[in-house]
C-alpha atoms as a PDB file:
ATOM      1  CA  MET A   1      51.599  21.842  -9.890  1.00  0.00           C
ATOM      2  CA  PRO A   2      48.485  22.155 -12.092  1.00  0.00           C
ATOM      3  CA  ALA A   3      46.954  25.637 -12.315  1.00  0.00           C
ATOM      4  CA  GLY A   4      44.403  26.382  -9.605  1.00  0.00           C
ATOM      5  CA  GLN A   5      45.416  23.414  -7.471  1.00  0.00           C
ATOM      6  CA  SER A   6      46.089  23.940  -3.782  1.00  0.00           C
ATOM      7  CA  PRO A   7      49.442  22.912  -2.332  1.00  0.00           C
ATOM      8  CA  ILE A   8      49.674  20.180   0.257  1.00  0.00           C
ATOM      9  CA  VAL A   9      49.724  21.729   3.710  1.00  0.00           C
ATOM     10  CA  GLN A  10      49.938  20.299   7.199  1.00  0.00           C
ATOM     11  CA  ALA A  11      46.925  20.673   9.455  1.00  0.00           C
ATOM     12  CA  LEU A  12      46.547  20.465  13.205  1.00  0.00           C
ATOM     13  CA  VAL A  13      43.122  19.018  13.938  1.00  0.00           C
ATOM     14  CA  ARG A  14      41.551  18.147  17.275  1.00  0.00           C
ATOM     15  CA  LEU A  15      39.057  15.293  17.369  1.00  0.00           C
ATOM     16  CA  VAL A  16      35.942  16.078  19.406  1.00  0.00           C
ATOM     17  CA  PRO A  17      34.864  12.632  20.628  1.00  0.00           C
ATOM     18  CA  VAL A  18      31.362  11.430  21.370  1.00  0.00           C
ATOM     19  CA  ALA A  19      30.794  11.409  25.154  1.00  0.00           C
ATOM     20  CA  ALA A  20      31.269   8.012  26.794  1.00  0.00           C
ATOM     21  CA  GLY A  21      28.839   7.716  29.708  1.00  0.00           C
ATOM     22  CA  SER A  22      28.662  10.895  31.770  1.00  0.00           C
ATOM     23  CA  ALA A  23      32.096  12.273  30.882  1.00  0.00           C
ATOM     24  CA  PRO A  24      33.644  12.953  27.460  1.00  0.00           C
ATOM     25  CA  ARG A  25      36.839  11.181  26.570  1.00  0.00           C
ATOM     26  CA  ARG A  26      40.091  13.050  26.285  1.00  0.00           C
ATOM     27  CA  PRO A  27      40.369  14.655  22.831  1.00  0.00           C
ATOM     28  CA  ARG A  28      43.093  13.544  20.415  1.00  0.00           C
ATOM     29  CA  CYS A  29      45.061  15.734  18.023  1.00  0.00           C
ATOM     30  CA  TYR A  30      46.350  14.778  14.574  1.00  0.00           C
ATOM     31  CA  ARG A  31      48.568  16.411  11.935  1.00  0.00           C
ATOM     32  CA  PRO A  32      47.246  15.204   8.575  1.00  0.00           C
ATOM     33  CA  LEU A  33      48.427  16.506   5.205  1.00  0.00           C
ATOM     34  CA  VAL A  34      45.531  18.156   3.386  1.00  0.00           C
ATOM     35  CA  VAL A  35      44.967  19.173  -0.247  1.00  0.00           C
ATOM     36  CA  GLY A  36      42.104  21.648   0.114  1.00  0.00           C
ATOM     37  CA  PRO A  37      38.356  21.891   0.744  1.00  0.00           C
ATOM     38  CA  ALA A  38      35.779  19.386  -0.421  1.00  0.00           C
ATOM     39  CA  ILE A  39      32.176  20.526  -0.936  1.00  0.00           C
ATOM     40  CA  LEU A  40      29.695  17.797   0.009  1.00  0.00           C
ATOM     41  CA  HIS A  41      26.080  18.237  -1.068  1.00  0.00           C
ATOM     42  CA  ARG A  42      22.887  16.199  -1.152  1.00  0.00           C
ATOM     43  CA  PRO A  43      19.100  16.748  -1.405  1.00  0.00           C
ATOM     44  CA  ALA A  44      17.385  17.834   1.806  1.00  0.00           C
ATOM     45  CA  VAL A  45      15.118  14.773   1.675  1.00  0.00           C
ATOM     46  CA  GLY A  46      15.640  11.253   0.429  1.00  0.00           C
ATOM     47  CA  ALA A  47      18.252   8.564   0.939  1.00  0.00           C
ATOM     48  CA  GLU A  48      20.907   9.763  -1.507  1.00  0.00           C
ATOM     49  CA  PRO A  49      24.530   9.851  -0.329  1.00  0.00           C
ATOM     50  CA  TRP A  50      26.530  13.057  -0.209  1.00  0.00           C
ATOM     51  CA  THR A  51      28.119  13.950  -3.565  1.00  0.00           C
ATOM     52  CA  VAL A  52      31.487  15.636  -4.179  1.00  0.00           C
ATOM     53  CA  ASP A  53      32.534  17.014  -7.565  1.00  0.00           C
ATOM     54  CA  VAL A  54      36.050  15.730  -8.252  1.00  0.00           C
ATOM     55  CA  SER A  55      38.738  15.811 -10.936  1.00  0.00           C
ATOM     56  CA  ASP A  56      38.330  13.531 -13.932  1.00  0.00           C
ATOM     57  CA  ASP A  57      41.990  12.487 -14.015  1.00  0.00           C
ATOM     58  CA  GLY A  58      41.687   9.408 -11.818  1.00  0.00           C
ATOM     59  CA  ARG A  59      43.085  11.156  -8.736  1.00  0.00           C
ATOM     60  CA  MET A  60      39.695  12.204  -7.338  1.00  0.00           C
ATOM     61  CA  LEU A  61      40.817  15.643  -6.171  1.00  0.00           C
ATOM     62  CA  PRO A  62      37.844  17.682  -4.907  1.00  0.00           C
ATOM     63  CA  LEU A  63      36.839  20.526  -7.220  1.00  0.00           C
ATOM     64  CA  SER A  64      36.141  23.728  -5.310  1.00  0.00           C
ATOM     65  CA  PRO A  65      36.718  27.455  -5.872  1.00  0.00           C
ATOM     66  CA  ARG A  66      40.097  28.792  -4.762  1.00  0.00           C
ATOM     67  CA  SER A  67      38.963  32.146  -3.349  1.00  0.00           C
ATOM     68  CA  PRO A  68      36.939  32.673  -0.148  1.00  0.00           C
ATOM     69  CA  GLU A  69      34.267  34.663  -1.993  1.00  0.00           C
ATOM     70  CA  ALA A  70      33.766  32.074  -4.724  1.00  0.00           C
ATOM     71  CA  LEU A  71      33.781  29.232  -2.194  1.00  0.00           C
ATOM     72  CA  ALA A  72      31.097  31.000  -0.137  1.00  0.00           C
ATOM     73  CA  ARG A  73      28.970  31.495  -3.279  1.00  0.00           C
ATOM     74  CA  ALA A  74      29.263  27.827  -4.223  1.00  0.00           C
ATOM     75  CA  VAL A  75      28.237  26.707  -0.730  1.00  0.00           C
ATOM     76  CA  ALA A  76      25.279  29.120  -0.724  1.00  0.00           C
ATOM     77  CA  ALA A  77      24.126  27.817  -4.127  1.00  0.00           C
ATOM     78  CA  HIS A  78      24.118  24.212  -2.887  1.00  0.00           C
ATOM     79  CA  ARG A  79      22.279  25.176   0.302  1.00  0.00           C
ATOM     80  CA  ALA A  80      19.583  26.891  -1.731  1.00  0.00           C
ATOM     81  CA  SER A  81      18.561  23.488  -3.133  1.00  0.00           C
ATOM     82  CA  GLY A  82      19.552  21.040  -0.385  1.00  0.00           C
ATOM     83  CA  LEU A  83      22.170  20.272   2.239  1.00  0.00           C
ATOM     84  CA  CYS A  84      25.844  21.227   2.003  1.00  0.00           C
ATOM     85  CA  ARG A  85      28.925  20.747   4.140  1.00  0.00           C
ATOM     86  CA  VAL A  86      32.550  21.695   3.620  1.00  0.00           C
ATOM     87  CA  ALA A  87      35.242  19.276   4.753  1.00  0.00           C
ATOM     88  CA  THR A  88      38.979  19.212   4.170  1.00  0.00           C
ATOM     89  CA  ALA A  89      40.422  16.535   1.901  1.00  0.00           C
ATOM     90  CA  LEU A  90      43.506  14.560   2.911  1.00  0.00           C
ATOM     91  CA  ILE A  91      46.441  13.436   0.836  1.00  0.00           C
ATOM     92  CA  CYS A  92      46.344   9.956  -0.715  1.00  0.00           C
ATOM     93  CA  PRO A  93      49.035   7.915  -2.526  1.00  0.00           C
ATOM     94  CA  ALA A  94      47.968   9.185  -5.973  1.00  0.00           C
ATOM     95  CA  ASP A  95      48.970  12.739  -4.993  1.00  0.00           C
ATOM     96  CA  VAL A  96      52.619  12.124  -4.229  1.00  0.00           C
ATOM     97  CA  PRO A  97      54.090  12.201  -7.780  1.00  0.00           C
ATOM     98  CA  ALA A  98      52.080  15.296  -8.739  1.00  0.00           C
ATOM     99  CA  PHE A  99      53.397  17.630  -6.050  1.00  0.00           C
ATOM    100  CA  ALA A 100      56.919  18.964  -5.937  1.00  0.00           C
ATOM    101  CA  PRO A 101      58.602  18.590  -2.531  1.00  0.00           C
ATOM    102  CA  GLU A 102      58.913  22.367  -2.179  1.00  0.00           C
ATOM    103  CA  ALA A 103      55.118  22.721  -2.502  1.00  0.00           C
ATOM    104  CA  THR A 104      54.579  20.837   0.743  1.00  0.00           C
ATOM    105  CA  ALA A 105      54.460  22.868   3.922  1.00  0.00           C
ATOM    106  CA  ASN A 106      57.110  22.399   6.587  1.00  0.00           C
ATOM    107  CA  PRO A 107      55.726  19.620   8.872  1.00  0.00           C
ATOM    108  CA  CYS A 108      56.737  21.708  11.891  1.00  0.00           C
ATOM    109  CA  LEU A 109      54.509  24.610  10.796  1.00  0.00           C
ATOM    110  CA  PRO A 110      50.838  23.575  10.617  1.00  0.00           C
ATOM    111  CA  CYS A 111      48.851  25.814   8.266  1.00  0.00           C
ATOM    112  CA  LEU A 112      45.288  24.811   9.208  1.00  0.00           C
ATOM    113  CA  ARG A 113      43.953  24.511  12.751  1.00  0.00           C
ATOM    114  CA  SER A 114      40.502  23.108  13.347  1.00  0.00           C
ATOM    115  CA  GLU A 115      38.361  20.681  15.285  1.00  0.00           C
ATOM    116  CA  PHE A 116      36.636  17.778  13.610  1.00  0.00           C
ATOM    117  CA  TYR A 117      33.982  15.153  14.270  1.00  0.00           C
ATOM    118  CA  GLY A 118      35.815  12.275  12.634  1.00  0.00           C
ATOM    119  CA  TRP A 119      37.229  10.833   9.422  1.00  0.00           C
ATOM    120  CA  SER A 120      34.897  10.477   6.452  1.00  0.00           C
ATOM    121  CA  LEU A 121      35.604   8.796   3.138  1.00  0.00           C
ATOM    122  CA  MET A 122      34.988   9.860  -0.444  1.00  0.00           C
ATOM    123  CA  ILE A 123      34.192   6.812  -2.576  1.00  0.00           C
ATOM    124  CA  GLN A 124      34.183   6.513  -6.364  1.00  0.00           C
ATOM    125  CA  PRO A 125      32.700   3.289  -7.800  1.00  0.00           C
ATOM    126  CA  PRO A 126      34.361   1.666 -10.821  1.00  0.00           C
ATOM    127  CA  GLY A 127      33.427   3.408 -14.077  1.00  0.00           C
ATOM    128  CA  VAL A 128      32.291   6.672 -12.425  1.00  0.00           C
ATOM    129  CA  ARG A 129      34.169   9.854 -13.354  1.00  0.00           C
ATOM    130  CA  GLY A 130      33.875  13.410 -12.056  1.00  0.00           C
ATOM    131  CA  ARG A 131      31.926  12.518  -8.918  1.00  0.00           C
ATOM    132  CA  ALA A 132      32.574  10.808  -5.614  1.00  0.00           C
ATOM    133  CA  PHE A 133      30.184   9.883  -2.841  1.00  0.00           C
ATOM    134  CA  VAL A 134      30.202   9.979   0.956  1.00  0.00           C
ATOM    135  CA  ASP A 135      27.839   7.787   2.985  1.00  0.00           C
ATOM    136  CA  ARG A 136      25.064   9.418   4.995  1.00  0.00           C
ATOM    137  CA  HIS A 137      25.197   9.353   8.777  1.00  0.00           C
ATOM    138  CA  ASP A 138      22.961   6.659  10.263  1.00  0.00           C
ATOM    139  CA  THR A 139      21.139   8.995  12.649  1.00  0.00           C
ATOM    140  CA  VAL A 140      22.077  12.614  11.810  1.00  0.00           C
ATOM    141  CA  PRO A 141      20.821  13.720   8.356  1.00  0.00           C
ATOM    142  CA  ASP A 142      22.946  16.899   8.382  1.00  0.00           C
ATOM    143  CA  LEU A 143      26.238  15.005   8.775  1.00  0.00           C
ATOM    144  CA  PRO A 144      28.057  12.448   6.640  1.00  0.00           C
ATOM    145  CA  ALA A 145      29.084   9.145   8.169  1.00  0.00           C
ATOM    146  CA  CYS A 146      32.437   9.356   9.941  1.00  0.00           C
ATOM    147  CA  PHE A 147      34.881   7.207  11.864  1.00  0.00           C
ATOM    148  CA  GLU A 148      36.418   8.262  15.147  1.00  0.00           C
ATOM    149  CA  LEU A 149      39.394   5.892  14.949  1.00  0.00           C
ATOM    150  CA  PRO A 150      41.900   6.090  12.057  1.00  0.00           C
ATOM    151  CA  LEU A 151      42.175   2.285  11.913  1.00  0.00           C
ATOM    152  CA  GLU A 152      38.453   2.073  11.158  1.00  0.00           C
ATOM    153  CA  LEU A 153      39.060   4.320   8.174  1.00  0.00           C
ATOM    154  CA  VAL A 154      42.071   2.268   7.053  1.00  0.00           C
ATOM    155  CA  ASP A 155      40.034  -0.946   7.200  1.00  0.00           C
ATOM    156  CA  ARG A 156      37.264   0.635   5.124  1.00  0.00           C
ATOM    157  CA  VAL A 157      39.745   1.924   2.525  1.00  0.00           C
ATOM    158  CA  ALA A 158      41.408  -1.501   2.221  1.00  0.00           C
ATOM    159  CA  PHE A 159      38.037  -3.228   1.790  1.00  0.00           C
ATOM    160  CA  LEU A 160      36.780  -0.842  -0.901  1.00  0.00           C
ATOM    161  CA  GLU A 161      39.990  -0.528  -2.903  1.00  0.00           C
ATOM    162  CA  SER A 162      40.356  -4.314  -3.024  1.00  0.00           C
ATOM    163  CA  ARG A 163      37.042  -4.262  -4.904  1.00  0.00           C
ATOM    164  CA  GLY A 164      38.053  -1.593  -7.421  1.00  0.00           C
ATOM    165  CA  PHE A 165      36.704   1.529  -5.718  1.00  0.00           C
ATOM    166  CA  ARG A 166      38.806   4.697  -5.516  1.00  0.00           C
ATOM    167  CA  THR A 167      38.856   6.463  -2.162  1.00  0.00           C
ATOM    168  CA  ARG A 168      40.084   9.666  -0.555  1.00  0.00           C
ATOM    169  CA  PRO A 169      39.787  10.423   3.180  1.00  0.00           C
ATOM    170  CA  ILE A 170      38.412  13.721   4.443  1.00  0.00           C
ATOM    171  CA  ALA A 171      38.281  15.312   7.881  1.00  0.00           C
ATOM    172  CA  LEU A 172      34.759  16.341   8.867  1.00  0.00           C
ATOM    173  CA  ILE A 173      35.555  19.717  10.418  1.00  0.00           C
ATOM    174  CA  THR A 174      33.280  21.779  12.636  1.00  0.00           C
ATOM    175  CA  ARG A 175      31.602  24.775  11.021  1.00  0.00           C
ATOM    176  CA  PRO A 176      29.947  27.919  12.475  1.00  0.00           C
ATOM    177  CA  GLU A 177      26.492  26.779  11.335  1.00  0.00           C
ATOM    178  CA  ASP A 178      26.816  23.710  13.599  1.00  0.00           C
ATOM    179  CA  PHE A 179      26.363  25.916  16.687  1.00  0.00           C
ATOM    180  CA  ASP A 180      23.347  27.572  18.313  1.00  0.00           C
ATOM    181  CA  ALA A 181      23.354  30.360  20.874  1.00  0.00           C
ATOM    182  CA  VAL A 182      22.090  28.904  24.176  1.00  0.00           C
ATOM    183  CA  ALA A 183      22.088  30.791  27.488  1.00  0.00           C
ATOM    184  CA  GLY A 184      24.803  33.199  26.440  1.00  0.00           C
ATOM    185  CA  THR A 185      27.122  30.575  24.993  1.00  0.00           C
ATOM    186  CA  TRP A 186      27.474  28.528  21.818  1.00  0.00           C
ATOM    187  CA  ARG A 187      26.330  24.889  21.876  1.00  0.00           C
ATOM    188  CA  ASN A 188      27.020  22.352  19.160  1.00  0.00           C
ATOM    189  CA  ARG A 189      23.856  20.925  17.616  1.00  0.00           C
ATOM    190  CA  PHE A 190      25.320  17.473  17.061  1.00  0.00           C
ATOM    191  CA  ARG A 191      27.330  16.981  20.257  1.00  0.00           C
ATOM    192  CA  PRO A 192      25.862  19.377  22.851  1.00  0.00           C
ATOM    193  CA  GLU A 193      27.716  17.690  25.706  1.00  0.00           C
ATOM    194  CA  ALA A 194      31.182  18.250  24.216  1.00  0.00           C
ATOM    195  CA  ALA A 195      33.509  21.202  24.809  1.00  0.00           C
ATOM    196  CA  PHE A 196      34.401  22.980  21.560  1.00  0.00           C
ATOM    197  CA  HIS A 197      36.733  25.772  20.559  1.00  0.00           C
ATOM    198  CA  ARG A 198      36.282  28.089  17.584  1.00  0.00           C
ATOM    199  CA  PRO A 199      34.825  26.421  14.447  1.00  0.00           C
ATOM    200  CA  CYS A 200      36.623  26.639  11.115  1.00  0.00           C
ATOM    201  CA  ARG A 201      35.781  29.487   8.712  1.00  0.00           C
ATOM    202  CA  LEU A 202      35.732  28.939   4.957  1.00  0.00           C
ATOM    203  CA  ASP A 203      38.609  31.318   4.299  1.00  0.00           C
ATOM    204  CA  ARG A 204      40.909  29.268   6.517  1.00  0.00           C
ATOM    205  CA  LEU A 205      40.528  26.246   4.238  1.00  0.00           C
ATOM    206  CA  LEU A 206      42.221  27.907   1.246  1.00  0.00           C
END
């Protein structure tokens, strides 16, 4: 395994769905394999997509600090000049030869537990190196675009890769800054009608 690279671990993530009508749908849980945090950043104004700094080796692994303190400093630096979110990046076919089997966590022992809004997608156009992009949300400037259903993500990956784009899926996890204190409880700013558990701290992503 290359120096500084996180091992593949199994996550247990709970999808918090958008409410359908007057009642939210039953949440679904998934156990994706993840390769570490991805820092998404973009200007506070304008129409630019979210940007992720990634490896320049063709595998598009997100580049992020590997200690909680350094990760927190990097996030704070991006927030000082714009918007920033931290997601968790999922395994893709290019990762399999690079990781020894013993580096992968036991599938029966999830290492990361979190809730998430949906599946987002890092996209690298042909000829671009060192950066990937994530589409903006249509209506929520503080969130990237995301899919609720895995098959929607699969269809998008197939479409883009058939045209020469590289892709890597990410899970758009909930974060403490997504919540406001309202009437003695915590309410999510993006989905106030949904029931949430504890959001994911930065140190749990490493």
